[in-house]
Amino acid sequence: MMKDVFGKAVELSGKREFSVLATILKLTGSGPRGAGTKFLILEDGSCVGTIGGGLLEARVLEAARKVFETQSPMRLGFSLMGKDVAETDMICGGDVDIFLEPFFPENQDHIQGLRRILDIQKRGGSGLLATVVQVDRWQKDSVPRVLALPGGEVIGSLPGMKGIQEELAKQMLVRLKEREPRLVASRDDLGGVVELFVEPILSDPVLYIFGGGHVSAQIVPLASRVGFKVEVIDDRPEFADPAKFPDAAKVHHCAFEGVLKRIPVDESSYLVIVTRGHMHDKTVLEQCLRTKAKYVGMIGSRRKKAMIYEKLLEEGFTQRDLDRVYAPIGLDIGAETPEEIAVSIVAELIQVRAGKE
């Protein structure tokens, strides 16, 4: 959703067209549209994304007209009950806090930040986006927002809030691990209170599955439904058939030797090894151990694991290298069938992604 909204905003900036972004800052109640959900409104009244439909969006569209007129942000609070709730996709009533901000096409820092976010979501990486959501802190044609990136790079600025920027950099790892956007109150350089909306920017995790057999056929739809972008690799054309994996983003037909030179694995990647034999598993695993992948898992018995590990140790890998590997793969739930094994593997992927090991 963020990708579609920001992609459209960047496209409009290239045409020098103004737009308004609505973001849910806080939701008291329950529904599929939580904090961080974004909704872009164009000058012709059309929009990209949704924040719940019905009366809620109608009120936001009405408020957006004022933002177009004044080119100044607005912060709105709604309380939805009874019939109001029935006209949205919220499950029950509650309070909704929404921030509407003008998107200035001439603000290059702003557009550069959006482009970097889109690049992170496409190619991997992470960052922390912090936006001041107090209307009186905004100035004409100025966006008090920073995108803080690992390594110390910062895009944008928070005027008069140097201390806040430094604190964001210190908190980055914690915020990224939490994964959830939140409102944060901090003090500026003069001691005044500033409220910011802090959003972790993370790439869609890519799951590479080596082997296109029965277990893979069960893993792919499950993993894709819980938020993984799945790619399957097999060296046999009949198993590297996209028709066999309709839920996969890509299917690669290539040899397992040198396969990691063909796909962009980084520290946010998940690697699952379920090939058809010990030697293929070893061929893939020794390549995976040279990456910074977040997760490396290999299917098979403890005996198979011991045989492969013994050979890898002889070839120069360390026990520390091997300790990275989840093998036998999957949570221990007594799985036996391909369907059950897939459930155990995907459950382990979710556990690792959530940092709940």
Protein backbone atom coordinates (compact mmCIF):
# COMPACT_ATOMS: atom_id res chain seq x y z
CA MET A 1 0.00 0.00 0.00
CA MET A 2 2.75 2.47 0.95
CA LYS A 3 4.56 1.54 -2.26
CA ASP A 4 1.52 2.44 -4.40
CA VAL A 5 0.88 5.70 -2.54
CA PHE A 6 4.49 6.91 -2.56
CA GLY A 7 5.00 5.72 -6.13
CA LYS A 8 2.05 7.82 -7.27
CA ALA A 9 3.26 10.84 -5.26
CA VAL A 10 6.67 10.65 -6.95
CA GLU A 11 4.99 10.30 -10.35
CA LEU A 12 2.88 13.41 -9.68
CA SER A 13 5.93 15.37 -8.55
CA GLY A 14 7.49 14.73 -11.94
CA LYS A 15 4.45 16.39 -13.49
CA ARG A 16 4.65 19.25 -10.95
CA GLU A 17 1.24 18.24 -9.61
CA PHE A 18 0.19 18.87 -6.00
CA SER A 19 -1.40 16.12 -3.87
CA VAL A 20 -2.47 15.48 -0.27
CA LEU A 21 -1.42 12.52 1.87
CA ALA A 22 -3.64 11.20 4.67
CA THR A 23 -2.07 8.93 7.30
CA ILE A 24 -3.75 7.13 10.19
CA LEU A 25 -1.73 8.09 13.26
CA LYS A 26 -3.75 6.20 15.83
CA LEU A 27 -6.75 3.87 15.88
CA THR A 28 -8.67 2.96 19.03
CA GLY A 29 -10.87 0.04 18.06
CA SER A 30 -10.21 -2.75 15.60
CA GLY A 31 -10.04 -3.03 11.86
CA PRO A 32 -7.72 -3.95 9.00
CA ARG A 33 -6.58 -0.35 8.52
CA GLY A 34 -4.17 0.35 11.36
CA ALA A 35 -1.70 3.08 12.24
CA GLY A 36 0.51 3.98 9.30
CA THR A 37 -2.14 3.30 6.65
CA LYS A 38 -1.88 5.90 3.89
CA PHE A 39 -4.29 7.43 1.42
CA LEU A 40 -3.24 9.83 -1.38
CA ILE A 41 -5.74 12.37 -2.71
CA LEU A 42 -5.24 13.98 -6.12
CA GLU A 43 -6.47 17.41 -7.19
CA ASP A 44 -9.22 15.90 -9.36
CA GLY A 45 -10.66 14.11 -6.30
CA SER A 46 -9.39 10.67 -7.24
CA CYS A 47 -7.29 8.71 -4.76
CA VAL A 48 -4.78 5.92 -4.30
CA GLY A 49 -5.14 3.53 -1.37
CA THR A 50 -7.82 3.46 1.32
CA ILE A 51 -8.13 4.19 5.03
CA GLY A 52 -11.40 2.37 5.60
CA GLY A 53 -13.98 3.60 3.10
CA GLY A 54 -17.43 5.06 3.72
CA LEU A 55 -18.01 8.05 5.95
CA LEU A 56 -14.43 8.13 7.23
CA GLU A 57 -12.94 8.58 3.76
CA ALA A 58 -15.69 11.02 2.80
CA ARG A 59 -14.73 13.26 5.72
CA VAL A 60 -11.05 13.00 4.87
CA LEU A 61 -11.73 13.90 1.23
CA GLU A 62 -13.71 16.93 2.41
CA ALA A 63 -10.84 18.02 4.68
CA ALA A 64 -8.34 17.44 1.86
CA ARG A 65 -10.03 20.17 -0.17
CA LYS A 66 -9.03 22.66 2.53
CA VAL A 67 -5.44 21.39 2.44
CA PHE A 68 -5.38 21.93 -1.32
CA GLU A 69 -6.64 25.49 -0.78
CA THR A 70 -4.34 26.46 2.08
CA GLN A 71 -1.36 24.17 1.26
CA SER A 72 -1.07 23.65 5.01
CA PRO A 73 -1.45 20.39 6.97
CA MET A 74 -4.45 19.41 9.11
CA ARG A 75 -4.90 16.93 11.94
CA LEU A 76 -8.32 15.39 12.38
CA GLY A 77 -9.96 13.23 15.01
CA PHE A 78 -13.02 11.09 14.34
CA SER A 79 -15.15 8.95 16.63
CA LEU A 80 -16.99 6.24 14.72
CA MET A 81 -20.02 4.50 16.20
CA GLY A 82 -23.14 2.68 15.03
CA LYS A 83 -24.05 3.48 11.44
CA ASP A 84 -20.72 5.26 10.93
CA VAL A 85 -18.90 1.97 11.55
CA ALA A 86 -21.21 0.04 9.23
CA GLU A 87 -20.11 2.30 6.38
CA THR A 88 -16.41 1.50 6.84
CA ASP A 89 -14.39 -1.73 6.89
CA MET A 90 -13.61 -1.27 10.57
CA ILE A 91 -14.76 -4.21 12.67
CA CYS A 92 -15.99 -2.10 15.55
CA GLY A 93 -16.21 1.54 16.53
CA GLY A 94 -13.42 3.65 17.91
CA ASP A 95 -11.44 6.86 17.66
CA VAL A 96 -9.31 7.59 14.62
CA ASP A 97 -6.55 10.21 14.50
CA ILE A 98 -5.58 11.26 10.95
CA PHE A 99 -2.92 13.62 9.65
CA LEU A 100 -3.33 15.30 6.25
CA GLU A 101 -0.27 16.87 4.71
CA PRO A 102 0.43 18.68 1.44
CA PHE A 103 2.84 17.03 -0.98
CA PHE A 104 4.96 19.77 -2.53
CA PRO A 105 6.43 18.63 -5.89
CA GLU A 106 9.21 21.21 -5.66
CA ASN A 107 10.54 19.92 -2.32
CA GLN A 108 13.51 17.87 -3.49
CA ASP A 109 14.44 16.48 -0.05
CA HIS A 110 10.91 15.19 0.30
CA ILE A 111 10.88 13.55 -3.12
CA GLN A 112 14.38 12.12 -2.63
CA GLY A 113 13.19 10.52 0.62
CA LEU A 114 10.21 8.94 -1.11
CA ARG A 115 12.43 7.58 -3.87
CA ARG A 116 14.75 6.04 -1.30
CA ILE A 117 11.80 4.42 0.50
CA LEU A 118 10.60 2.92 -2.78
CA ASP A 119 14.14 1.66 -3.45
CA ILE A 120 14.30 0.04 0.01
CA GLN A 121 11.00 -1.73 -0.53
CA LYS A 122 12.12 -2.97 -3.93
CA ARG A 123 15.76 -3.89 -3.31
CA GLY A 124 15.98 -4.39 0.45
CA GLY A 125 17.32 -2.43 3.38
CA SER A 126 15.70 -0.40 6.12
CA GLY A 127 15.23 3.10 7.51
CA LEU A 128 13.24 5.18 9.97
CA LEU A 129 10.81 7.84 8.75
CA ALA A 130 9.91 10.54 11.28
CA THR A 131 7.30 13.22 10.50
CA VAL A 132 6.30 16.11 12.75
CA VAL A 133 2.51 15.94 13.07
CA GLN A 134 1.90 19.24 14.86
CA VAL A 135 0.42 21.68 12.39
CA ASP A 136 2.05 24.73 14.00
CA ARG A 137 5.51 23.25 13.39
CA TRP A 138 5.07 23.30 9.60
CA GLN A 139 6.11 26.23 7.45
CA LYS A 140 5.08 27.09 3.91
CA ASP A 141 6.72 24.77 1.36
CA SER A 142 8.67 23.06 4.16
CA VAL A 143 8.28 19.47 5.34
CA PRO A 144 9.61 18.74 8.86
CA ARG A 145 10.48 15.12 8.15
CA VAL A 146 13.61 12.98 8.10
CA LEU A 147 14.40 9.58 6.70
CA ALA A 148 17.21 8.20 8.87
CA LEU A 149 19.20 5.36 7.32
CA PRO A 150 21.69 2.87 8.79
CA GLY A 151 25.20 4.22 8.60
CA GLY A 152 24.21 7.74 9.60
CA GLU A 153 22.77 9.03 6.31
CA VAL A 154 19.80 11.38 6.76
CA ILE A 155 17.46 12.73 4.09
CA GLY A 156 15.39 15.78 5.02
CA SER A 157 15.54 17.85 8.20
CA LEU A 158 13.82 18.68 11.47
CA PRO A 159 14.56 22.41 12.01
CA GLY A 160 15.42 23.19 15.62
CA MET A 161 15.35 19.50 16.56
CA LYS A 162 18.96 18.32 16.29
CA GLY A 163 18.63 16.41 19.55
CA ILE A 164 15.57 14.56 18.26
CA GLN A 165 17.42 13.51 15.10
CA GLU A 166 20.30 12.18 17.17
CA GLU A 167 17.88 10.25 19.39
CA LEU A 168 16.18 8.71 16.35
CA ALA A 169 19.54 7.43 15.12
CA LYS A 170 20.23 5.85 18.52
CA GLN A 171 16.79 4.22 18.63
CA MET A 172 16.84 2.95 15.05
CA LEU A 173 17.57 -0.72 15.72
CA VAL A 174 14.92 -0.93 18.45
CA ARG A 175 12.29 0.81 16.32
CA LEU A 176 13.04 -1.39 13.30
CA LYS A 177 12.73 -4.52 15.42
CA GLU A 178 9.36 -3.35 16.73
CA ARG A 179 8.20 -2.95 13.11
CA GLU A 180 5.15 -0.92 14.21
CA PRO A 181 4.68 2.83 13.55
CA ARG A 182 3.88 4.96 16.58
CA LEU A 183 3.35 8.50 17.86
CA VAL A 184 6.31 9.76 19.87
CA ALA A 185 6.56 12.89 22.01
CA SER A 186 10.04 14.47 22.25
CA ARG A 187 11.57 17.81 23.21
CA ASP A 188 13.15 20.16 20.70
CA ASP A 189 16.42 22.05 21.20
CA LEU A 190 14.61 24.76 23.23
CA GLY A 191 12.75 22.32 25.46
CA GLY A 192 9.38 22.49 23.70
CA VAL A 193 7.33 19.31 23.20
CA VAL A 194 7.12 17.97 19.66
CA GLU A 195 4.94 15.09 18.52
CA LEU A 196 6.27 12.93 15.70
CA PHE A 197 4.96 9.92 13.84
CA VAL A 198 7.81 7.41 13.55
CA GLU A 199 7.53 4.67 10.92
CA PRO A 200 9.95 1.78 10.37
CA ILE A 201 10.69 1.40 6.66
CA LEU A 202 11.39 -2.22 5.79
CA SER A 203 11.61 -4.11 2.55
CA ASP A 204 9.10 -6.81 1.76
CA PRO A 205 11.08 -9.88 2.90
CA VAL A 206 12.05 -12.10 -0.02
CA LEU A 207 11.93 -15.84 0.52
CA TYR A 208 14.08 -17.85 -1.89
CA ILE A 209 13.13 -21.53 -2.04
CA PHE A 210 15.75 -23.82 -3.58
CA GLY A 211 13.93 -26.82 -5.02
CA GLY A 212 10.56 -27.01 -6.72
CA GLY A 213 9.17 -30.26 -5.28
CA HIS A 214 6.15 -31.23 -3.20
CA VAL A 215 7.14 -29.35 -0.05
CA SER A 216 7.89 -26.18 -2.03
CA ALA A 217 4.46 -26.37 -3.65
CA GLN A 218 2.95 -26.18 -0.15
CA ILE A 219 5.32 -23.53 1.23
CA VAL A 220 4.78 -21.00 -1.57
CA PRO A 221 1.05 -20.22 -1.07
CA LEU A 222 1.36 -20.20 2.73
CA ALA A 223 4.39 -17.91 2.79
CA SER A 224 2.96 -15.51 0.21
CA ARG A 225 -0.24 -15.16 2.26
CA VAL A 226 1.68 -14.07 5.35
CA GLY A 227 3.68 -11.34 3.64
CA PHE A 228 6.70 -12.97 2.02
CA LYS A 229 7.65 -12.29 -1.58
CA VAL A 230 8.47 -15.82 -2.75
CA GLU A 231 10.87 -16.90 -5.50
CA VAL A 232 11.47 -20.54 -6.44
CA ILE A 233 14.68 -21.94 -7.99
CA ASP A 234 15.14 -25.36 -9.59
CA ASP A 235 17.53 -26.79 -12.19
CA ARG A 236 14.85 -28.94 -13.85
CA PRO A 237 12.58 -27.23 -16.38
CA GLU A 238 9.55 -29.31 -15.41
CA PHE A 239 9.94 -28.21 -11.76
CA ALA A 240 10.86 -24.60 -12.57
CA ASP A 241 7.46 -24.07 -14.18
CA PRO A 242 5.67 -20.84 -13.19
CA ALA A 243 2.34 -22.59 -13.73
CA LYS A 244 3.18 -24.86 -10.76
CA PHE A 245 3.67 -21.84 -8.49
CA PRO A 246 0.97 -19.24 -9.22
CA ASP A 247 1.61 -17.53 -5.87
CA ALA A 248 5.35 -17.07 -6.48
CA ALA A 249 6.67 -13.67 -7.57
CA LYS A 250 9.31 -15.38 -9.75
CA VAL A 251 10.40 -18.87 -10.75
CA HIS A 252 14.03 -19.35 -11.83
CA HIS A 253 15.28 -22.20 -14.01
CA CYS A 254 19.02 -22.43 -13.41
CA ALA A 255 21.73 -24.72 -12.08
CA PHE A 256 22.32 -24.78 -8.33
CA GLU A 257 26.06 -24.27 -8.87
CA GLY A 258 26.69 -20.52 -8.72
CA VAL A 259 23.00 -19.79 -8.15
CA LEU A 260 23.69 -17.11 -5.51
CA LYS A 261 25.44 -15.03 -8.18
CA ARG A 262 22.12 -14.82 -10.02
CA ILE A 263 19.82 -13.63 -7.24
CA PRO A 264 20.20 -10.53 -4.98
CA VAL A 265 20.43 -11.98 -1.46
CA ASP A 266 20.92 -9.45 1.37
CA GLU A 267 20.49 -9.23 5.14
CA SER A 268 16.68 -9.17 4.82
CA SER A 269 16.48 -12.35 2.68
CA TYR A 270 15.17 -15.74 3.80
CA LEU A 271 16.66 -18.88 2.24
CA VAL A 272 14.96 -22.28 2.36
CA ILE A 273 16.82 -25.31 0.99
CA VAL A 274 14.50 -28.16 -0.03
CA THR A 275 16.24 -29.66 -3.06
CA ARG A 276 15.97 -33.29 -4.15
CA GLY A 277 19.23 -34.60 -2.66
CA HIS A 278 22.16 -34.27 -0.26
CA MET A 279 24.65 -33.01 -2.85
CA HIS A 280 22.33 -30.31 -4.17
CA ASP A 281 21.55 -29.24 -0.60
CA LYS A 282 25.28 -28.98 0.17
CA THR A 283 25.92 -27.06 -3.06
CA VAL A 284 23.29 -24.49 -2.15
CA LEU A 285 24.09 -24.36 1.57
CA GLU A 286 27.78 -23.57 1.10
CA GLN A 287 26.77 -20.60 -1.04
CA CYS A 288 24.11 -19.46 1.45
CA LEU A 289 26.67 -19.46 4.27
CA ARG A 290 28.67 -16.80 2.41
CA THR A 291 25.69 -14.41 2.44
CA LYS A 292 24.28 -12.17 5.19
CA ALA A 293 20.79 -13.66 4.80
CA LYS A 294 18.53 -13.25 7.82
CA TYR A 295 17.47 -16.90 7.69
CA VAL A 296 19.02 -20.05 6.23
CA GLY A 297 17.06 -23.28 6.66
CA MET A 298 17.68 -26.78 5.28
CA ILE A 299 15.29 -29.70 5.21
CA GLY A 300 16.35 -33.22 6.15
CA SER A 301 17.13 -35.59 8.98
CA ARG A 302 19.76 -35.08 11.67
CA ARG A 303 21.86 -37.76 9.96
CA LYS A 304 21.78 -35.86 6.68
CA LYS A 305 22.63 -32.64 8.51
CA ALA A 306 25.64 -34.30 10.20
CA MET A 307 26.97 -35.66 6.89
CA ILE A 308 26.74 -32.29 5.14
CA TYR A 309 28.17 -30.38 8.10
CA GLU A 310 31.14 -32.74 8.32
CA LYS A 311 32.04 -32.07 4.69
CA LEU A 312 31.61 -28.31 5.07
CA LEU A 313 33.88 -28.26 8.14
CA GLU A 314 36.50 -30.14 6.15
CA GLU A 315 36.24 -27.47 3.43
CA GLY A 316 36.97 -24.61 5.82
CA PHE A 317 33.61 -23.50 7.19
CA THR A 318 33.46 -22.96 10.96
CA GLN A 319 31.02 -24.26 13.54
CA ARG A 320 29.87 -20.66 13.96
CA ASP A 321 28.95 -20.60 10.26
CA LEU A 322 26.93 -23.78 10.64
CA ASP A 323 25.18 -22.56 13.79
CA ARG A 324 23.38 -20.00 11.59
CA VAL A 325 21.46 -22.78 9.86
CA TYR A 326 17.99 -23.88 10.94
CA ALA A 327 18.30 -27.63 10.47
CA PRO A 328 16.26 -29.72 10.62
CA ILE A 329 14.11 -26.91 9.28
CA GLY A 330 10.78 -25.82 10.78
CA LEU A 331 9.24 -25.75 14.25
CA ASP A 332 8.95 -29.11 15.97
CA ILE A 333 5.21 -29.79 15.69
CA GLY A 334 5.44 -33.45 14.68
CA ALA A 335 4.96 -32.62 10.99
CA GLU A 336 5.02 -35.55 8.55
CA THR A 337 3.14 -34.69 5.34
CA PRO A 338 4.34 -32.01 2.86
CA GLU A 339 1.45 -29.82 3.98
CA GLU A 340 2.36 -30.17 7.67
CA ILE A 341 6.06 -29.63 6.97
CA ALA A 342 5.20 -26.45 5.07
CA VAL A 343 3.20 -25.19 8.06
CA SER A 344 6.15 -25.84 10.39
CA ILE A 345 8.59 -24.05 8.05
CA VAL A 346 6.40 -20.99 7.49
CA ALA A 347 5.71 -20.78 11.23
CA GLU A 348 9.46 -20.68 11.84
CA LEU A 349 9.88 -17.97 9.19
CA ILE A 350 7.22 -15.88 10.93
CA GLN A 351 8.91 -16.44 14.29
CA VAL A 352 12.29 -15.28 12.97
CA ARG A 353 10.77 -12.29 11.19
CA ALA A 354 9.00 -11.22 14.40
CA GLY A 355 12.17 -11.64 16.47
CA LYS A 356 10.37 -14.05 18.80
CA GLU A 357 12.90 -16.87 18.90
